[in-house]
Amino acid sequence: MEEVVSLYSSSGDHMILLEGWFKNMDELAKFVKKLESIEGITKICPAILLEKIK
């Protein structure tokens, strides 16, 4: 998946964190649909970063 910039395993509420770059919301929506079609993925929680603070 060329959209994936970084992939992390984590503890807490989310097992995997994915960083991806998309041209617009339509591209993000298509990517989420692609993820939803993968067996074993049970929940997707997209978040959009608004500002880099540090």
C-alpha atoms as a PDB file:
ATOM      1  CA  MET A   1       0.000   0.000   0.000  1.00  0.00           C
ATOM      2  CA  GLU A   2       1.837   3.043  -1.256  1.00  0.00           C
ATOM      3  CA  GLU A   3      -0.267   5.429   0.874  1.00  0.00           C
ATOM      4  CA  VAL A   4       1.314   4.078   4.071  1.00  0.00           C
ATOM      5  CA  VAL A   5       4.186   6.265   5.282  1.00  0.00           C
ATOM      6  CA  SER A   6       4.690   4.631   8.722  1.00  0.00           C
ATOM      7  CA  LEU A   7       3.228   1.699  10.624  1.00  0.00           C
ATOM      8  CA  TYR A   8       3.484   1.235  14.407  1.00  0.00           C
ATOM      9  CA  SER A   9       2.382  -1.389  16.902  1.00  0.00           C
ATOM     10  CA  SER A  10       1.081   0.126  20.126  1.00  0.00           C
ATOM     11  CA  SER A  11      -0.519  -0.545  23.464  1.00  0.00           C
ATOM     12  CA  GLY A  12      -3.771   0.974  24.634  1.00  0.00           C
ATOM     13  CA  ASP A  13      -6.965   1.384  22.654  1.00  0.00           C
ATOM     14  CA  HIS A  14      -5.373   0.791  19.259  1.00  0.00           C
ATOM     15  CA  MET A  15      -3.145  -2.153  18.304  1.00  0.00           C
ATOM     16  CA  ILE A  16      -1.739  -0.623  15.132  1.00  0.00           C
ATOM     17  CA  LEU A  17      -1.218   3.011  14.156  1.00  0.00           C
ATOM     18  CA  LEU A  18      -0.798   3.873  10.499  1.00  0.00           C
ATOM     19  CA  GLU A  19       0.441   7.161   9.076  1.00  0.00           C
ATOM     20  CA  GLY A  20      -0.726   7.861   5.558  1.00  0.00           C
ATOM     21  CA  TRP A  21      -0.827  10.843   3.237  1.00  0.00           C
ATOM     22  CA  PHE A  22      -3.857  11.543   1.047  1.00  0.00           C
ATOM     23  CA  LYS A  23      -4.641  14.269  -1.481  1.00  0.00           C
ATOM     24  CA  ASN A  24      -8.199  14.732  -0.216  1.00  0.00           C
ATOM     25  CA  MET A  25     -10.998  13.180   1.827  1.00  0.00           C
ATOM     26  CA  ASP A  26     -12.130  11.025  -1.105  1.00  0.00           C
ATOM     27  CA  GLU A  27      -8.705   9.373  -1.252  1.00  0.00           C
ATOM     28  CA  LEU A  28      -8.844   8.758   2.508  1.00  0.00           C
ATOM     29  CA  ALA A  29     -12.340   7.254   2.202  1.00  0.00           C
ATOM     30  CA  LYS A  30     -11.176   4.889  -0.562  1.00  0.00           C
ATOM     31  CA  PHE A  31      -8.239   3.800   1.580  1.00  0.00           C
ATOM     32  CA  VAL A  32     -10.488   3.147   4.594  1.00  0.00           C
ATOM     33  CA  LYS A  33     -12.767   1.000   2.399  1.00  0.00           C
ATOM     34  CA  LYS A  34      -9.706  -0.942   1.240  1.00  0.00           C
ATOM     35  CA  LEU A  35      -8.698  -1.558   4.866  1.00  0.00           C
ATOM     36  CA  GLU A  36     -12.247  -2.645   5.769  1.00  0.00           C
ATOM     37  CA  SER A  37     -12.050  -5.394   3.153  1.00  0.00           C
ATOM     38  CA  ILE A  38      -9.025  -7.019   4.838  1.00  0.00           C
ATOM     39  CA  GLU A  39      -9.860 -10.068   6.936  1.00  0.00           C
ATOM     40  CA  GLY A  40      -8.963  -9.578  10.604  1.00  0.00           C
ATOM     41  CA  ILE A  41      -9.407  -5.800  10.680  1.00  0.00           C
ATOM     42  CA  THR A  42     -12.328  -5.270  13.025  1.00  0.00           C
ATOM     43  CA  LYS A  43     -12.321  -1.510  13.603  1.00  0.00           C
ATOM     44  CA  ILE A  44     -10.872   1.537  11.862  1.00  0.00           C
ATOM     45  CA  CYS A  45     -10.651   4.907  13.625  1.00  0.00           C
ATOM     46  CA  PRO A  46      -9.344   7.552  11.197  1.00  0.00           C
ATOM     47  CA  ALA A  47      -7.893  10.702  12.743  1.00  0.00           C
ATOM     48  CA  ILE A  48      -6.653  13.779  10.922  1.00  0.00           C
ATOM     49  CA  LEU A  49      -3.768  15.765  12.380  1.00  0.00           C
ATOM     50  CA  LEU A  50      -4.523  19.468  12.353  1.00  0.00           C
ATOM     51  CA  GLU A  51      -1.273  21.000  13.577  1.00  0.00           C
ATOM     52  CA  LYS A  52       2.273  19.955  14.448  1.00  0.00           C
ATOM     53  CA  ILE A  53       3.061  21.481  17.812  1.00  0.00           C
ATOM     54  CA  LYS A  54       6.640  20.390  18.338  1.00  0.00           C
END
